[in-house]
PDB file of N, CA and C in Angstrom:
ATOM      1  N   MET A   1       2.763   0.696  21.706  1.00  0.00           N
ATOM      2  CA  MET A   1       3.288  -0.573  21.269  1.00  0.00           C
ATOM      3  C   MET A   1       2.356  -1.709  21.682  1.00  0.00           C
ATOM      4  N   ALA A   2       1.747  -1.581  22.847  1.00  0.00           N
ATOM      5  CA  ALA A   2       0.836  -2.619  23.311  1.00  0.00           C
ATOM      6  C   ALA A   2      -0.336  -2.775  22.356  1.00  0.00           C
ATOM      7  N   LEU A   3      -0.830  -1.660  21.805  1.00  0.00           N
ATOM      8  CA  LEU A   3      -1.938  -1.725  20.853  1.00  0.00           C
ATOM      9  C   LEU A   3      -1.523  -2.493  19.612  1.00  0.00           C
ATOM     10  N   VAL A   4      -0.342  -2.205  19.096  1.00  0.00           N
ATOM     11  CA  VAL A   4       0.138  -2.895  17.900  1.00  0.00           C
ATOM     12  C   VAL A   4       0.295  -4.375  18.196  1.00  0.00           C
ATOM     13  N   LEU A   5       0.877  -4.721  19.344  1.00  0.00           N
ATOM     14  CA  LEU A   5       1.033  -6.124  19.701  1.00  0.00           C
ATOM     15  C   LEU A   5      -0.316  -6.793  19.892  1.00  0.00           C
ATOM     16  N   ALA A   6      -1.261  -6.091  20.487  1.00  0.00           N
ATOM     17  CA  ALA A   6      -2.591  -6.650  20.683  1.00  0.00           C
ATOM     18  C   ALA A   6      -3.255  -6.926  19.342  1.00  0.00           C
ATOM     19  N   LEU A   7      -3.085  -6.041  18.399  1.00  0.00           N
ATOM     20  CA  LEU A   7      -3.682  -6.241  17.085  1.00  0.00           C
ATOM     21  C   LEU A   7      -3.051  -7.425  16.372  1.00  0.00           C
ATOM     22  N   VAL A   8      -1.764  -7.604  16.557  1.00  0.00           N
ATOM     23  CA  VAL A   8      -1.079  -8.722  15.916  1.00  0.00           C
ATOM     24  C   VAL A   8      -1.503 -10.038  16.558  1.00  0.00           C
ATOM     25  N   GLN A   9      -1.778 -10.032  17.846  1.00  0.00           N
ATOM     26  CA  GLN A   9      -2.088 -11.257  18.566  1.00  0.00           C
ATOM     27  C   GLN A   9      -3.517 -11.747  18.373  1.00  0.00           C
ATOM     28  N   ILE A  10      -4.358 -11.015  17.666  1.00  0.00           N
ATOM     29  CA  ILE A  10      -5.750 -11.458  17.531  1.00  0.00           C
ATOM     30  C   ILE A  10      -5.919 -12.546  16.482  1.00  0.00           C
ATOM     31  N   GLY A  11      -4.833 -12.958  15.875  1.00  0.00           N
ATOM     32  CA  GLY A  11      -4.909 -14.065  14.945  1.00  0.00           C
ATOM     33  C   GLY A  11      -4.775 -13.670  13.497  1.00  0.00           C
ATOM     34  N   VAL A  12      -4.262 -12.516  13.226  1.00  0.00           N
ATOM     35  CA  VAL A  12      -4.049 -12.105  11.846  1.00  0.00           C
ATOM     36  C   VAL A  12      -2.924 -12.955  11.279  1.00  0.00           C
ATOM     37  N   PRO A  13      -3.178 -13.669  10.193  1.00  0.00           N
ATOM     38  CA  PRO A  13      -2.122 -14.518   9.640  1.00  0.00           C
ATOM     39  C   PRO A  13      -0.954 -13.684   9.128  1.00  0.00           C
ATOM     40  N   THR A  14       0.235 -14.172   9.398  1.00  0.00           N
ATOM     41  CA  THR A  14       1.425 -13.484   8.917  1.00  0.00           C
ATOM     42  C   THR A  14       2.322 -14.484   8.224  1.00  0.00           C
ATOM     43  N   ALA A  15       3.195 -13.977   7.406  1.00  0.00           N
ATOM     44  CA  ALA A  15       4.154 -14.815   6.697  1.00  0.00           C
ATOM     45  C   ALA A  15       5.552 -14.397   7.103  1.00  0.00           C
ATOM     46  N   THR A  16       6.429 -15.375   7.151  1.00  0.00           N
ATOM     47  CA  THR A  16       7.820 -15.073   7.444  1.00  0.00           C
ATOM     48  C   THR A  16       8.519 -14.803   6.124  1.00  0.00           C
ATOM     49  N   VAL A  17       9.138 -13.659   6.043  1.00  0.00           N
ATOM     50  CA  VAL A  17       9.833 -13.255   4.827  1.00  0.00           C
ATOM     51  C   VAL A  17      11.312 -13.155   5.157  1.00  0.00           C
ATOM     52  N   PRO A  18      12.166 -13.722   4.314  1.00  0.00           N
ATOM     53  CA  PRO A  18      13.602 -13.622   4.594  1.00  0.00           C
ATOM     54  C   PRO A  18      14.032 -12.161   4.682  1.00  0.00           C
ATOM     55  N   ALA A  19      14.860 -11.862   5.655  1.00  0.00           N
ATOM     56  CA  ALA A  19      15.338 -10.485   5.848  1.00  0.00           C
ATOM     57  C   ALA A  19      16.307 -10.122   4.736  1.00  0.00           C
ATOM     58  N   THR A  20      16.027  -9.007   4.069  1.00  0.00           N
ATOM     59  CA  THR A  20      16.919  -8.529   3.015  1.00  0.00           C
ATOM     60  C   THR A  20      17.491  -7.173   3.366  1.00  0.00           C
ATOM     61  N   VAL A  21      17.167  -6.672   4.548  1.00  0.00           N
ATOM     62  CA  VAL A  21      17.633  -5.365   4.996  1.00  0.00           C
ATOM     63  C   VAL A  21      18.405  -5.566   6.291  1.00  0.00           C
ATOM     64  N   LYS A  22      19.526  -4.887   6.401  1.00  0.00           N
ATOM     65  CA  LYS A  22      20.294  -4.969   7.640  1.00  0.00           C
ATOM     66  C   LYS A  22      19.488  -4.347   8.773  1.00  0.00           C
ATOM     67  N   ALA A  23      19.692  -4.841   9.971  1.00  0.00           N
ATOM     68  CA  ALA A  23      18.926  -4.364  11.126  1.00  0.00           C
ATOM     69  C   ALA A  23      19.059  -2.862  11.319  1.00  0.00           C
ATOM     70  N   GLN A  24      20.260  -2.314  11.152  1.00  0.00           N
ATOM     71  CA  GLN A  24      20.432  -0.876  11.376  1.00  0.00           C
ATOM     72  C   GLN A  24      19.705  -0.059  10.307  1.00  0.00           C
ATOM     73  N   ASP A  25      19.491  -0.630   9.123  1.00  0.00           N
ATOM     74  CA  ASP A  25      18.753   0.069   8.070  1.00  0.00           C
ATOM     75  C   ASP A  25      17.245   0.042   8.326  1.00  0.00           C
ATOM     76  N   ALA A  26      16.785  -0.891   9.137  1.00  0.00           N
ATOM     77  CA  ALA A  26      15.353  -1.074   9.358  1.00  0.00           C
ATOM     78  C   ALA A  26      14.856  -0.396  10.630  1.00  0.00           C
ATOM     79  N   GLU A  27      15.704   0.339  11.327  1.00  0.00           N
ATOM     80  CA  GLU A  27      15.254   1.000  12.552  1.00  0.00           C
ATOM     81  C   GLU A  27      14.112   1.961  12.238  1.00  0.00           C
ATOM     82  N   GLY A  28      13.076   1.916  13.051  1.00  0.00           N
ATOM     83  CA  GLY A  28      11.936   2.804  12.858  1.00  0.00           C
ATOM     84  C   GLY A  28      10.978   2.333  11.784  1.00  0.00           C
ATOM     85  N   LEU A  29      11.142   1.106  11.316  1.00  0.00           N
ATOM     86  CA  LEU A  29      10.277   0.565  10.269  1.00  0.00           C
ATOM     87  C   LEU A  29       9.448  -0.568  10.860  1.00  0.00           C
ATOM     88  N   ILE A  30       8.154  -0.559  10.571  1.00  0.00           N
ATOM     89  CA  ILE A  30       7.275  -1.634  11.015  1.00  0.00           C
ATOM     90  C   ILE A  30       6.372  -2.004   9.842  1.00  0.00           C
ATOM     91  N   VAL A  31       6.053  -3.279   9.730  1.00  0.00           N
ATOM     92  CA  VAL A  31       5.188  -3.764   8.655  1.00  0.00           C
ATOM     93  C   VAL A  31       3.901  -4.281   9.289  1.00  0.00           C
ATOM     94  N   ILE A  32       2.784  -3.836   8.759  1.00  0.00           N
ATOM     95  CA  ILE A  32       1.476  -4.270   9.249  1.00  0.00           C
ATOM     96  C   ILE A  32       0.826  -5.086   8.135  1.00  0.00           C
ATOM     97  N   ILE A  33       0.557  -6.350   8.411  1.00  0.00           N
ATOM     98  CA  ILE A  33      -0.045  -7.231   7.410  1.00  0.00           C
ATOM     99  C   ILE A  33      -1.456  -7.571   7.879  1.00  0.00           C
ATOM    100  N   THR A  34      -2.443  -7.237   7.062  1.00  0.00           N
ATOM    101  CA  THR A  34      -3.836  -7.526   7.403  1.00  0.00           C
ATOM    102  C   THR A  34      -4.528  -8.143   6.195  1.00  0.00           C
ATOM    103  N   PRO A  35      -5.613  -8.866   6.430  1.00  0.00           N
ATOM    104  CA  PRO A  35      -6.401  -9.390   5.314  1.00  0.00           C
ATOM    105  C   PRO A  35      -7.021  -8.247   4.499  1.00  0.00           C
ATOM    106  N   SER A  36      -7.772  -8.599   3.510  1.00  0.00           N
ATOM    107  CA  SER A  36      -8.396  -7.637   2.604  1.00  0.00           C
ATOM    108  C   SER A  36      -9.128  -6.530   3.347  1.00  0.00           C
ATOM    109  N   HIS A  37      -8.953  -5.311   2.874  1.00  0.00           N
ATOM    110  CA  HIS A  37      -9.628  -4.164   3.484  1.00  0.00           C
ATOM    111  C   HIS A  37     -11.065  -4.021   2.986  1.00  0.00           C
ATOM    112  N   ASP A  38     -11.540  -4.990   2.210  1.00  0.00           N
ATOM    113  CA  ASP A  38     -12.950  -5.004   1.823  1.00  0.00           C
ATOM    114  C   ASP A  38     -13.832  -5.237   3.053  1.00  0.00           C
ATOM    115  N   ASN A  39     -13.273  -5.911   4.045  1.00  0.00           N
ATOM    116  CA  ASN A  39     -13.973  -6.151   5.300  1.00  0.00           C
ATOM    117  C   ASN A  39     -13.721  -4.945   6.206  1.00  0.00           C
ATOM    118  N   PRO A  40     -14.758  -4.234   6.627  1.00  0.00           N
ATOM    119  CA  PRO A  40     -14.577  -3.023   7.441  1.00  0.00           C
ATOM    120  C   PRO A  40     -13.811  -3.266   8.746  1.00  0.00           C
ATOM    121  N   PHE A  41     -13.954  -4.446   9.334  1.00  0.00           N
ATOM    122  CA  PHE A  41     -13.223  -4.747  10.566  1.00  0.00           C
ATOM    123  C   PHE A  41     -11.722  -4.717  10.320  1.00  0.00           C
ATOM    124  N   PHE A  42     -11.271  -5.388   9.258  1.00  0.00           N
ATOM    125  CA  PHE A  42      -9.840  -5.450   8.987  1.00  0.00           C
ATOM    126  C   PHE A  42      -9.293  -4.101   8.533  1.00  0.00           C
ATOM    127  N   LYS A  43     -10.116  -3.305   7.841  1.00  0.00           N
ATOM    128  CA  LYS A  43      -9.672  -1.965   7.455  1.00  0.00           C
ATOM    129  C   LYS A  43      -9.488  -1.101   8.697  1.00  0.00           C
ATOM    130  N   ALA A  44     -10.436  -1.162   9.626  1.00  0.00           N
ATOM    131  CA  ALA A  44     -10.316  -0.398  10.870  1.00  0.00           C
ATOM    132  C   ALA A  44      -9.117  -0.875  11.681  1.00  0.00           C
ATOM    133  N   GLU A  45      -8.892  -2.170  11.689  1.00  0.00           N
ATOM    134  CA  GLU A  45      -7.738  -2.733  12.398  1.00  0.00           C
ATOM    135  C   GLU A  45      -6.433  -2.197  11.811  1.00  0.00           C
ATOM    136  N   ALA A  46      -6.320  -2.205  10.495  1.00  0.00           N
ATOM    137  CA  ALA A  46      -5.108  -1.713   9.838  1.00  0.00           C
ATOM    138  C   ALA A  46      -4.920  -0.221  10.074  1.00  0.00           C
ATOM    139  N   ASP A  47      -5.991   0.545   9.971  1.00  0.00           N
ATOM    140  CA  ASP A  47      -5.899   1.997  10.195  1.00  0.00           C
ATOM    141  C   ASP A  47      -5.460   2.307  11.630  1.00  0.00           C
ATOM    142  N   SER A  48      -6.016   1.580  12.585  1.00  0.00           N
ATOM    143  CA  SER A  48      -5.657   1.794  13.992  1.00  0.00           C
ATOM    144  C   SER A  48      -4.207   1.406  14.261  1.00  0.00           C
ATOM    145  N   ALA A  49      -3.782   0.293  13.700  1.00  0.00           N
ATOM    146  CA  ALA A  49      -2.398  -0.149  13.891  1.00  0.00           C
ATOM    147  C   ALA A  49      -1.426   0.835  13.252  1.00  0.00           C
ATOM    148  N   GLU A  50      -1.769   1.338  12.073  1.00  0.00           N
ATOM    149  CA  GLU A  50      -0.907   2.317  11.403  1.00  0.00           C
ATOM    150  C   GLU A  50      -0.800   3.603  12.221  1.00  0.00           C
ATOM    151  N   ALA A  51      -1.916   4.081  12.731  1.00  0.00           N
ATOM    152  CA  ALA A  51      -1.905   5.307  13.538  1.00  0.00           C
ATOM    153  C   ALA A  51      -1.087   5.114  14.815  1.00  0.00           C
ATOM    154  N   ALA A  52      -1.251   3.970  15.463  1.00  0.00           N
ATOM    155  CA  ALA A  52      -0.495   3.695  16.690  1.00  0.00           C
ATOM    156  C   ALA A  52       0.997   3.604  16.395  1.00  0.00           C
ATOM    157  N   ALA A  53       1.349   2.965  15.292  1.00  0.00           N
ATOM    158  CA  ALA A  53       2.762   2.841  14.923  1.00  0.00           C
ATOM    159  C   ALA A  53       3.365   4.213  14.634  1.00  0.00           C
ATOM    160  N   GLN A  54       2.635   5.060  13.927  1.00  0.00           N
ATOM    161  CA  GLN A  54       3.136   6.407  13.635  1.00  0.00           C
ATOM    162  C   GLN A  54       3.290   7.222  14.915  1.00  0.00           C
ATOM    163  N   ASP A  55       2.365   7.074  15.843  1.00  0.00           N
ATOM    164  CA  ASP A  55       2.470   7.776  17.127  1.00  0.00           C
ATOM    165  C   ASP A  55       3.714   7.346  17.897  1.00  0.00           C
ATOM    166  N   LEU A  56       4.130   6.092  17.675  1.00  0.00           N
ATOM    167  CA  LEU A  56       5.310   5.565  18.358  1.00  0.00           C
ATOM    168  C   LEU A  56       6.601   5.833  17.591  1.00  0.00           C
ATOM    169  N   GLY A  57       6.485   6.502  16.443  1.00  0.00           N
ATOM    170  CA  GLY A  57       7.674   6.887  15.694  1.00  0.00           C
ATOM    171  C   GLY A  57       8.099   5.935  14.595  1.00  0.00           C
ATOM    172  N   TYR A  58       7.240   4.969  14.268  1.00  0.00           N
ATOM    173  CA  TYR A  58       7.558   4.057  13.175  1.00  0.00           C
ATOM    174  C   TYR A  58       7.103   4.654  11.860  1.00  0.00           C
ATOM    175  N   GLU A  59       7.704   4.172  10.758  1.00  0.00           N
ATOM    176  CA  GLU A  59       7.347   4.654   9.420  1.00  0.00           C
ATOM    177  C   GLU A  59       6.084   3.976   8.947  1.00  0.00           C
TER     178      GLU A  59
END
């Protein structure tokens, strides 16, 4: 979880989206928002965050 939080804290812009799913329906779900994957840094960041989230049991 620390890795995912660290990746989020590096300044990746995020948007607030109104919640349309009840909290109990969203358990185990995480959303990773990154800039374009044309940039190898952001692609590696997204891949690492996805792998860490899956290791922690998120979808």
